[in-house]
PDB file of N, CA and C in Angstrom:
ATOM      1  N   MET A   1     -11.832 -25.874 -16.828  1.00  0.00           N
ATOM      2  CA  MET A   1     -10.664 -25.564 -16.660  1.00  0.00           C
ATOM      3  C   MET A   1     -11.335 -24.389 -15.624  1.00  0.00           C
ATOM      4  N   ALA A   2     -10.500 -23.838 -13.958  1.00  0.00           N
ATOM      5  CA  ALA A   2     -10.948 -22.821 -13.233  1.00  0.00           C
ATOM      6  C   ALA A   2      -9.667 -22.109 -13.173  1.00  0.00           C
ATOM      7  N   GLU A   3      -9.677 -20.740 -14.136  1.00  0.00           N
ATOM      8  CA  GLU A   3      -9.064 -19.835 -13.537  1.00  0.00           C
ATOM      9  C   GLU A   3      -8.513 -19.732 -12.720  1.00  0.00           C
ATOM     10  N   PRO A   4      -6.431 -19.525 -13.344  1.00  0.00           N
ATOM     11  CA  PRO A   4      -5.167 -19.284 -11.753  1.00  0.00           C
ATOM     12  C   PRO A   4      -5.812 -18.213 -11.176  1.00  0.00           C
ATOM     13  N   THR A   5      -6.289 -18.207  -9.463  1.00  0.00           N
ATOM     14  CA  THR A   5      -5.745 -17.576  -8.620  1.00  0.00           C
ATOM     15  C   THR A   5      -4.906 -17.297  -8.280  1.00  0.00           C
ATOM     16  N   ILE A   6      -4.191 -15.694  -7.186  1.00  0.00           N
ATOM     17  CA  ILE A   6      -2.985 -15.674  -6.063  1.00  0.00           C
ATOM     18  C   ILE A   6      -4.458 -15.169  -5.425  1.00  0.00           C
ATOM     19  N   GLU A   7      -3.376 -15.449  -4.099  1.00  0.00           N
ATOM     20  CA  GLU A   7      -3.838 -15.007  -2.751  1.00  0.00           C
ATOM     21  C   GLU A   7      -2.290 -13.420  -2.168  1.00  0.00           C
ATOM     22  N   VAL A   8      -3.481 -12.946  -1.987  1.00  0.00           N
ATOM     23  CA  VAL A   8      -2.014 -11.953  -1.155  1.00  0.00           C
ATOM     24  C   VAL A   8      -2.715 -11.068  -0.546  1.00  0.00           C
ATOM     25  N   ASP A   9      -2.303 -10.277   0.526  1.00  0.00           N
ATOM     26  CA  ASP A   9      -2.890  -9.021   2.082  1.00  0.00           C
ATOM     27  C   ASP A   9      -3.228  -8.249   0.701  1.00  0.00           C
ATOM     28  N   VAL A  10      -3.555  -6.710   1.830  1.00  0.00           N
ATOM     29  CA  VAL A  10      -3.501  -5.468   1.647  1.00  0.00           C
ATOM     30  C   VAL A  10      -3.809  -4.622   2.755  1.00  0.00           C
ATOM     31  N   VAL A  11      -2.789  -3.562   2.736  1.00  0.00           N
ATOM     32  CA  VAL A  11      -2.314  -3.147   4.578  1.00  0.00           C
ATOM     33  C   VAL A  11      -2.833  -2.223   4.386  1.00  0.00           C
ATOM     34  N   HIS A  12      -2.830  -0.815   5.077  1.00  0.00           N
ATOM     35  CA  HIS A  12      -2.112   0.260   5.312  1.00  0.00           C
ATOM     36  C   HIS A  12      -2.115   0.732   7.028  1.00  0.00           C
ATOM     37  N   ALA A  13      -1.973   0.897   7.211  1.00  0.00           N
ATOM     38  CA  ALA A  13      -1.700   1.998   8.206  1.00  0.00           C
ATOM     39  C   ALA A  13      -1.904   3.458   8.448  1.00  0.00           C
ATOM     40  N   GLY A  14      -3.082   3.134   8.584  1.00  0.00           N
ATOM     41  CA  GLY A  14      -3.862   4.754   9.236  1.00  0.00           C
ATOM     42  C   GLY A  14      -3.725   4.942  10.841  1.00  0.00           C
ATOM     43  N   ALA A  15      -3.958   6.132  10.788  1.00  0.00           N
ATOM     44  CA  ALA A  15      -3.538   7.690  11.607  1.00  0.00           C
ATOM     45  C   ALA A  15      -3.563   7.095  13.049  1.00  0.00           C
ATOM     46  N   ARG A  16      -3.976   5.911  13.113  1.00  0.00           N
ATOM     47  CA  ARG A  16      -5.296   5.196  14.644  1.00  0.00           C
ATOM     48  C   ARG A  16      -5.504   3.711  14.226  1.00  0.00           C
ATOM     49  N   ARG A  17      -5.941   3.425  13.111  1.00  0.00           N
ATOM     50  CA  ARG A  17      -5.489   2.188  12.551  1.00  0.00           C
ATOM     51  C   ARG A  17      -5.093   1.195  11.511  1.00  0.00           C
ATOM     52  N   LEU A  18      -4.634   0.474  11.931  1.00  0.00           N
ATOM     53  CA  LEU A  18      -4.221  -0.857  10.895  1.00  0.00           C
ATOM     54  C   LEU A  18      -5.149  -1.368  10.305  1.00  0.00           C
ATOM     55  N   TRP A  19      -5.698  -1.736   9.190  1.00  0.00           N
ATOM     56  CA  TRP A  19      -6.352  -2.046   8.179  1.00  0.00           C
ATOM     57  C   TRP A  19      -5.681  -3.420   7.639  1.00  0.00           C
ATOM     58  N   ARG A  20      -6.122  -4.230   7.221  1.00  0.00           N
ATOM     59  CA  ARG A  20      -5.970  -5.630   6.788  1.00  0.00           C
ATOM     60  C   ARG A  20      -7.033  -6.121   6.086  1.00  0.00           C
ATOM     61  N   ARG A  21      -6.507  -6.727   4.413  1.00  0.00           N
ATOM     62  CA  ARG A  21      -7.312  -7.915   3.965  1.00  0.00           C
ATOM     63  C   ARG A  21      -6.762  -8.719   3.306  1.00  0.00           C
ATOM     64  N   SER A  22      -7.334  -9.985   3.539  1.00  0.00           N
ATOM     65  CA  SER A  22      -6.525 -11.079   2.007  1.00  0.00           C
ATOM     66  C   SER A  22      -7.778 -10.944   1.008  1.00  0.00           C
ATOM     67  N   VAL A  23      -7.047 -11.071   0.257  1.00  0.00           N
ATOM     68  CA  VAL A  23      -8.110 -10.762  -1.862  1.00  0.00           C
ATOM     69  C   VAL A  23      -7.360 -11.704  -2.181  1.00  0.00           C
ATOM     70  N   SER A  24      -8.291 -12.826  -2.468  1.00  0.00           N
ATOM     71  CA  SER A  24      -8.221 -13.769  -4.063  1.00  0.00           C
ATOM     72  C   SER A  24      -8.337 -13.014  -5.329  1.00  0.00           C
ATOM     73  N   LEU A  25      -7.683 -13.665  -6.206  1.00  0.00           N
ATOM     74  CA  LEU A  25      -7.776 -12.959  -7.579  1.00  0.00           C
ATOM     75  C   LEU A  25      -7.339 -13.124  -8.611  1.00  0.00           C
ATOM     76  N   PRO A  26      -7.615 -12.562 -10.528  1.00  0.00           N
ATOM     77  CA  PRO A  26      -7.401 -14.047 -10.564  1.00  0.00           C
ATOM     78  C   PRO A  26      -5.784 -13.015 -11.227  1.00  0.00           C
ATOM     79  N   ALA A  27      -4.938 -14.917 -11.668  1.00  0.00           N
ATOM     80  CA  ALA A  27      -3.335 -14.582 -11.878  1.00  0.00           C
ATOM     81  C   ALA A  27      -3.617 -13.066 -12.745  1.00  0.00           C
ATOM     82  N   GLY A  28      -1.940 -12.293 -12.700  1.00  0.00           N
ATOM     83  CA  GLY A  28      -2.490 -11.120 -13.477  1.00  0.00           C
ATOM     84  C   GLY A  28      -2.645 -10.289 -13.280  1.00  0.00           C
ATOM     85  N   SER A  29      -3.540 -10.027 -11.906  1.00  0.00           N
ATOM     86  CA  SER A  29      -3.766  -8.992 -11.256  1.00  0.00           C
ATOM     87  C   SER A  29      -3.363  -7.528 -10.786  1.00  0.00           C
ATOM     88  N   THR A  30      -2.909  -6.589 -10.679  1.00  0.00           N
ATOM     89  CA  THR A  30      -1.968  -5.591 -11.020  1.00  0.00           C
ATOM     90  C   THR A  30      -2.520  -5.582  -9.093  1.00  0.00           C
ATOM     91  N   ALA A  31      -1.314  -4.514  -8.732  1.00  0.00           N
ATOM     92  CA  ALA A  31      -1.635  -3.720  -7.812  1.00  0.00           C
ATOM     93  C   ALA A  31      -3.028  -3.120  -7.448  1.00  0.00           C
ATOM     94  N   MET A  32      -2.609  -2.472  -8.239  1.00  0.00           N
ATOM     95  CA  MET A  32      -4.576  -1.261  -7.898  1.00  0.00           C
ATOM     96  C   MET A  32      -5.650  -2.300  -8.574  1.00  0.00           C
ATOM     97  N   GLN A  33      -6.053  -3.694  -8.997  1.00  0.00           N
ATOM     98  CA  GLN A  33      -6.310  -4.512  -8.871  1.00  0.00           C
ATOM     99  C   GLN A  33      -7.139  -4.793  -7.238  1.00  0.00           C
ATOM    100  N   ALA A  34      -5.692  -5.150  -6.810  1.00  0.00           N
ATOM    101  CA  ALA A  34      -5.663  -5.309  -4.901  1.00  0.00           C
ATOM    102  C   ALA A  34      -6.639  -4.701  -4.569  1.00  0.00           C
ATOM    103  N   VAL A  35      -5.942  -3.414  -4.551  1.00  0.00           N
ATOM    104  CA  VAL A  35      -6.615  -2.144  -3.195  1.00  0.00           C
ATOM    105  C   VAL A  35      -8.350  -2.764  -3.779  1.00  0.00           C
ATOM    106  N   GLU A  36      -8.539  -2.099  -5.177  1.00  0.00           N
ATOM    107  CA  GLU A  36      -9.830  -1.900  -5.549  1.00  0.00           C
ATOM    108  C   GLU A  36     -10.681  -3.548  -4.588  1.00  0.00           C
ATOM    109  N   ALA A  37     -10.355  -4.475  -5.016  1.00  0.00           N
ATOM    110  CA  ALA A  37     -10.947  -5.776  -4.113  1.00  0.00           C
ATOM    111  C   ALA A  37     -11.250  -5.384  -2.765  1.00  0.00           C
ATOM    112  N   THR A  38     -10.134  -4.524  -1.954  1.00  0.00           N
ATOM    113  CA  THR A  38     -10.951  -4.455  -0.556  1.00  0.00           C
ATOM    114  C   THR A  38     -11.772  -3.880  -0.005  1.00  0.00           C
ATOM    115  N   GLY A  39     -12.011  -3.020  -1.385  1.00  0.00           N
ATOM    116  CA  GLY A  39     -13.966  -1.371  -0.995  1.00  0.00           C
ATOM    117  C   GLY A  39     -13.287  -0.625  -0.119  1.00  0.00           C
ATOM    118  N   TRP A  40     -12.078   0.342  -0.166  1.00  0.00           N
ATOM    119  CA  TRP A  40     -11.579   0.973   0.908  1.00  0.00           C
ATOM    120  C   TRP A  40     -11.219   2.127   0.072  1.00  0.00           C
ATOM    121  N   LEU A  41     -10.797   2.307  -0.983  1.00  0.00           N
ATOM    122  CA  LEU A  41     -10.239   3.898  -1.623  1.00  0.00           C
ATOM    123  C   LEU A  41     -11.488   4.459  -1.597  1.00  0.00           C
ATOM    124  N   ALA A  42     -13.037   4.330  -1.587  1.00  0.00           N
ATOM    125  CA  ALA A  42     -14.179   5.190  -1.136  1.00  0.00           C
ATOM    126  C   ALA A  42     -13.551   5.880   0.375  1.00  0.00           C
ATOM    127  N   GLY A  43     -13.352   4.548   0.966  1.00  0.00           N
ATOM    128  CA  GLY A  43     -13.226   5.408   2.866  1.00  0.00           C
ATOM    129  C   GLY A  43     -11.998   6.259   2.886  1.00  0.00           C
ATOM    130  N   LEU A  44     -10.527   6.138   1.825  1.00  0.00           N
ATOM    131  CA  LEU A  44      -9.110   7.052   2.341  1.00  0.00           C
ATOM    132  C   LEU A  44     -10.044   8.787   2.082  1.00  0.00           C
ATOM    133  N   SER A  45      -8.682   8.156   3.087  1.00  0.00           N
ATOM    134  CA  SER A  45      -8.529  10.515   3.053  1.00  0.00           C
ATOM    135  C   SER A  45      -7.734  10.802   2.116  1.00  0.00           C
ATOM    136  N   ALA A  46      -7.958  12.087   1.695  1.00  0.00           N
ATOM    137  CA  ALA A  46      -7.818  11.979  -0.510  1.00  0.00           C
ATOM    138  C   ALA A  46      -6.182  12.780  -0.031  1.00  0.00           C
ATOM    139  N   GLU A  47      -5.876  12.945   1.056  1.00  0.00           N
ATOM    140  CA  GLU A  47      -4.066  13.000   1.444  1.00  0.00           C
ATOM    141  C   GLU A  47      -3.287  11.110   1.130  1.00  0.00           C
ATOM    142  N   VAL A  48      -3.568  10.578   2.353  1.00  0.00           N
ATOM    143  CA  VAL A  48      -2.956   8.711   1.617  1.00  0.00           C
ATOM    144  C   VAL A  48      -3.898   8.147  -0.323  1.00  0.00           C
ATOM    145  N   SER A  49      -5.207   8.312  -0.854  1.00  0.00           N
ATOM    146  CA  SER A  49      -5.427   8.402  -2.424  1.00  0.00           C
ATOM    147  C   SER A  49      -5.296   9.214  -3.015  1.00  0.00           C
ATOM    148  N   GLU A  50      -4.337  10.448  -3.536  1.00  0.00           N
ATOM    149  CA  GLU A  50      -3.854  11.513  -4.239  1.00  0.00           C
ATOM    150  C   GLU A  50      -2.604  12.216  -3.677  1.00  0.00           C
ATOM    151  N   PRO A  51      -1.780  10.964  -4.841  1.00  0.00           N
ATOM    152  CA  PRO A  51      -1.660  10.611  -5.364  1.00  0.00           C
ATOM    153  C   PRO A  51      -1.271   8.859  -4.717  1.00  0.00           C
ATOM    154  N   LEU A  52      -1.896   7.459  -5.147  1.00  0.00           N
ATOM    155  CA  LEU A  52      -1.924   7.009  -4.797  1.00  0.00           C
ATOM    156  C   LEU A  52      -0.630   6.666  -4.741  1.00  0.00           C
ATOM    157  N   ARG A  53       0.151   5.749  -3.187  1.00  0.00           N
ATOM    158  CA  ARG A  53       0.981   4.846  -3.045  1.00  0.00           C
ATOM    159  C   ARG A  53       1.574   4.019  -3.731  1.00  0.00           C
ATOM    160  N   LEU A  54       1.623   3.286  -3.608  1.00  0.00           N
ATOM    161  CA  LEU A  54       1.451   1.587  -2.607  1.00  0.00           C
ATOM    162  C   LEU A  54       3.385   1.178  -3.483  1.00  0.00           C
ATOM    163  N   GLY A  55       3.283   0.287  -2.488  1.00  0.00           N
ATOM    164  CA  GLY A  55       4.155  -1.346  -2.835  1.00  0.00           C
ATOM    165  C   GLY A  55       4.582  -2.234  -1.663  1.00  0.00           C
ATOM    166  N   ILE A  56       6.156  -3.271  -2.566  1.00  0.00           N
ATOM    167  CA  ILE A  56       4.716  -4.443  -1.486  1.00  0.00           C
ATOM    168  C   ILE A  56       6.240  -4.963  -0.577  1.00  0.00           C
ATOM    169  N   HIS A  57       6.213  -5.308   0.577  1.00  0.00           N
ATOM    170  CA  HIS A  57       7.230  -5.535   0.805  1.00  0.00           C
ATOM    171  C   HIS A  57       8.433  -4.484   1.022  1.00  0.00           C
ATOM    172  N   SER A  58       7.996  -3.100   1.660  1.00  0.00           N
ATOM    173  CA  SER A  58       8.970  -2.153   1.318  1.00  0.00           C
ATOM    174  C   SER A  58       9.206  -1.737   0.955  1.00  0.00           C
ATOM    175  N   ARG A  59       8.616  -2.018  -0.653  1.00  0.00           N
ATOM    176  CA  ARG A  59       9.490  -1.335  -2.113  1.00  0.00           C
ATOM    177  C   ARG A  59       8.896  -0.605  -2.446  1.00  0.00           C
ATOM    178  N   ARG A  60       8.703   0.468  -3.048  1.00  0.00           N
ATOM    179  CA  ARG A  60       7.804   1.656  -3.830  1.00  0.00           C
ATOM    180  C   ARG A  60       7.264   0.688  -4.933  1.00  0.00           C
ATOM    181  N   VAL A  61       6.302   0.770  -5.875  1.00  0.00           N
ATOM    182  CA  VAL A  61       5.524  -0.461  -6.967  1.00  0.00           C
ATOM    183  C   VAL A  61       4.802   1.224  -7.198  1.00  0.00           C
ATOM    184  N   GLU A  62       4.298   0.342  -9.255  1.00  0.00           N
ATOM    185  CA  GLU A  62       4.039   1.494  -9.703  1.00  0.00           C
ATOM    186  C   GLU A  62       1.892   0.580  -9.897  1.00  0.00           C
ATOM    187  N   ALA A  63       1.115   1.054  -9.585  1.00  0.00           N
ATOM    188  CA  ALA A  63      -0.168   0.374  -9.273  1.00  0.00           C
ATOM    189  C   ALA A  63      -0.724  -0.460 -11.009  1.00  0.00           C
ATOM    190  N   ASP A  64       0.093  -0.475 -11.633  1.00  0.00           N
ATOM    191  CA  ASP A  64      -0.232  -1.426 -12.896  1.00  0.00           C
ATOM    192  C   ASP A  64       0.496  -2.861 -12.299  1.00  0.00           C
ATOM    193  N   HIS A  65       1.714  -2.674 -11.072  1.00  0.00           N
ATOM    194  CA  HIS A  65       2.807  -3.674 -11.163  1.00  0.00           C
ATOM    195  C   HIS A  65       1.749  -4.574 -10.777  1.00  0.00           C
ATOM    196  N   VAL A  66       2.306  -6.476 -11.802  1.00  0.00           N
ATOM    197  CA  VAL A  66       2.159  -7.712 -11.522  1.00  0.00           C
ATOM    198  C   VAL A  66       1.671  -7.884 -10.378  1.00  0.00           C
ATOM    199  N   LEU A  67       0.945  -8.860  -9.390  1.00  0.00           N
ATOM    200  CA  LEU A  67       0.751  -9.335  -8.421  1.00  0.00           C
ATOM    201  C   LEU A  67       1.691 -11.070  -8.579  1.00  0.00           C
ATOM    202  N   ARG A  68       1.879 -11.025  -7.268  1.00  0.00           N
ATOM    203  CA  ARG A  68       2.032 -12.724  -7.598  1.00  0.00           C
ATOM    204  C   ARG A  68       1.944 -13.377  -6.086  1.00  0.00           C
ATOM    205  N   ASP A  69       1.307 -14.247  -6.271  1.00  0.00           N
ATOM    206  CA  ASP A  69       0.465 -15.472  -5.571  1.00  0.00           C
ATOM    207  C   ASP A  69       1.626 -14.689  -3.790  1.00  0.00           C
ATOM    208  N   GLY A  70       0.918 -14.509  -2.402  1.00  0.00           N
ATOM    209  CA  GLY A  70       2.036 -14.158  -1.336  1.00  0.00           C
ATOM    210  C   GLY A  70       2.412 -12.668  -1.165  1.00  0.00           C
ATOM    211  N   ASP A  71       2.041 -11.953  -1.813  1.00  0.00           N
ATOM    212  CA  ASP A  71       2.421 -10.344  -1.919  1.00  0.00           C
ATOM    213  C   ASP A  71       1.580 -10.030  -0.785  1.00  0.00           C
ATOM    214  N   ARG A  72       2.291  -8.794  -0.498  1.00  0.00           N
ATOM    215  CA  ARG A  72       1.861  -8.153   0.859  1.00  0.00           C
ATOM    216  C   ARG A  72       1.601  -6.829  -0.360  1.00  0.00           C
ATOM    217  N   VAL A  73       0.735  -6.059  -1.240  1.00  0.00           N
ATOM    218  CA  VAL A  73       0.309  -4.655  -0.838  1.00  0.00           C
ATOM    219  C   VAL A  73       0.582  -3.775  -0.223  1.00  0.00           C
ATOM    220  N   GLU A  74       1.110  -3.204  -0.179  1.00  0.00           N
ATOM    221  CA  GLU A  74       1.006  -1.473   1.353  1.00  0.00           C
ATOM    222  C   GLU A  74       0.202  -0.515   0.125  1.00  0.00           C
ATOM    223  N   ILE A  75      -0.428  -0.070   1.014  1.00  0.00           N
ATOM    224  CA  ILE A  75      -1.006   1.656   0.679  1.00  0.00           C
ATOM    225  C   ILE A  75      -0.245   2.604   2.045  1.00  0.00           C
ATOM    226  N   TYR A  76       0.811   3.548   1.569  1.00  0.00           N
ATOM    227  CA  TYR A  76       1.527   4.807   2.309  1.00  0.00           C
ATOM    228  C   TYR A  76       0.638   5.471   2.169  1.00  0.00           C
ATOM    229  N   ARG A  77       1.071   6.816   3.631  1.00  0.00           N
ATOM    230  CA  ARG A  77      -0.103   7.809   3.455  1.00  0.00           C
ATOM    231  C   ARG A  77       1.321   8.276   3.240  1.00  0.00           C
ATOM    232  N   PRO A  78       1.684   9.950   2.832  1.00  0.00           N
ATOM    233  CA  PRO A  78       2.776  10.368   3.278  1.00  0.00           C
ATOM    234  C   PRO A  78       2.984  10.973   4.614  1.00  0.00           C
ATOM    235  N   LEU A  79       4.955  11.491   4.815  1.00  0.00           N
ATOM    236  CA  LEU A  79       5.564  11.363   6.015  1.00  0.00           C
ATOM    237  C   LEU A  79       5.092  13.071   6.218  1.00  0.00           C
ATOM    238  N   ALA A  80       4.891  12.898   7.506  1.00  0.00           N
ATOM    239  CA  ALA A  80       4.325  13.566   8.333  1.00  0.00           C
ATOM    240  C   ALA A  80       5.967  14.656   8.924  1.00  0.00           C
ATOM    241  N   LEU A  81       6.833  14.407   8.795  1.00  0.00           N
ATOM    242  CA  LEU A  81       8.098  15.294   8.889  1.00  0.00           C
ATOM    243  C   LEU A  81       9.342  14.548   7.795  1.00  0.00           C
ATOM    244  N   ASP A  82       9.893  15.603   6.938  1.00  0.00           N
ATOM    245  CA  ASP A  82      10.576  15.177   6.144  1.00  0.00           C
ATOM    246  C   ASP A  82      12.138  14.700   7.061  1.00  0.00           C
ATOM    247  N   PRO A  83      12.619  13.205   6.535  1.00  0.00           N
ATOM    248  CA  PRO A  83      13.334  12.180   7.262  1.00  0.00           C
ATOM    249  C   PRO A  83      14.283  13.099   7.913  1.00  0.00           C
ATOM    250  N   MET A  84      14.759  14.439   6.238  1.00  0.00           N
ATOM    251  CA  MET A  84      16.412  15.219   6.917  1.00  0.00           C
ATOM    252  C   MET A  84      16.430  16.287   7.510  1.00  0.00           C
ATOM    253  N   ALA A  85      14.616  17.141   7.549  1.00  0.00           N
ATOM    254  CA  ALA A  85      14.610  17.710   7.873  1.00  0.00           C
ATOM    255  C   ALA A  85      14.423  17.519   9.904  1.00  0.00           C
ATOM    256  N   ALA A  86      13.821  16.195   9.993  1.00  0.00           N
ATOM    257  CA  ALA A  86      14.500  15.251  10.992  1.00  0.00           C
ATOM    258  C   ALA A  86      15.946  14.809  11.935  1.00  0.00           C
ATOM    259  N   ARG A  87      16.332  14.413  11.010  1.00  0.00           N
ATOM    260  CA  ARG A  87      17.594  14.663  10.715  1.00  0.00           C
ATOM    261  C   ARG A  87      18.789  15.734  11.657  1.00  0.00           C
ATOM    262  N   ARG A  88      18.230  16.699  10.730  1.00  0.00           N
ATOM    263  CA  ARG A  88      19.818  18.090  10.717  1.00  0.00           C
ATOM    264  C   ARG A  88      18.482  18.789  11.798  1.00  0.00           C
ATOM    265  N   ARG A  89      17.449  18.815  12.869  1.00  0.00           N
ATOM    266  CA  ARG A  89      16.648  18.579  14.005  1.00  0.00           C
ATOM    267  C   ARG A  89      17.838  18.106  15.345  1.00  0.00           C
ATOM    268  N   ARG A  90      17.905  17.028  14.596  1.00  0.00           N
ATOM    269  CA  ARG A  90      18.724  15.862  15.952  1.00  0.00           C
ATOM    270  C   ARG A  90      19.703  16.323  15.679  1.00  0.00           C
ATOM    271  N   ALA A  91      20.694  16.789  15.110  1.00  0.00           N
ATOM    272  CA  ALA A  91      21.881  17.028  14.606  1.00  0.00           C
ATOM    273  C   ALA A  91      21.880  18.615  16.118  1.00  0.00           C
ATOM    274  N   GLY A  92      20.932  18.893  15.047  1.00  0.00           N
ATOM    275  CA  GLY A  92      21.166  21.141  16.242  1.00  0.00           C
ATOM    276  C   GLY A  92      21.319  20.996  17.514  1.00  0.00           C
ATOM    277  N   LYS A  93      20.586  20.055  18.323  1.00  0.00           N
ATOM    278  CA  LYS A  93      20.365  20.015  19.419  1.00  0.00           C
ATOM    279  C   LYS A  93      20.660  19.212  20.399  1.00  0.00           C
ATOM    280  N   GLY A  94      21.893  18.486  18.859  1.00  0.00           N
ATOM    281  CA  GLY A  94      23.021  17.461  20.516  1.00  0.00           C
ATOM    282  C   GLY A  94      24.493  18.796  19.765  1.00  0.00           C
TER     283      GLY A  94
END
């Protein structure tokens, strides 16, 4: 009998391009295993990969989070500007 599999999408919004790949994994796979299946780890910049920040459908998860069929694993990059600092700046200009 064939081992059950799940289909997940892995996405990363880089500074200049959007990366998206669908991968098929064994049931019980983790978010990190999905990222590794894309082959992108070597091409990610150090600021993105150290530490690797992951989410599923806009919610932060740890690398060992077990995936379900249809999940979208998102690789986040660091914020360019702290949201609180941006709000303070806008308030000061008003």
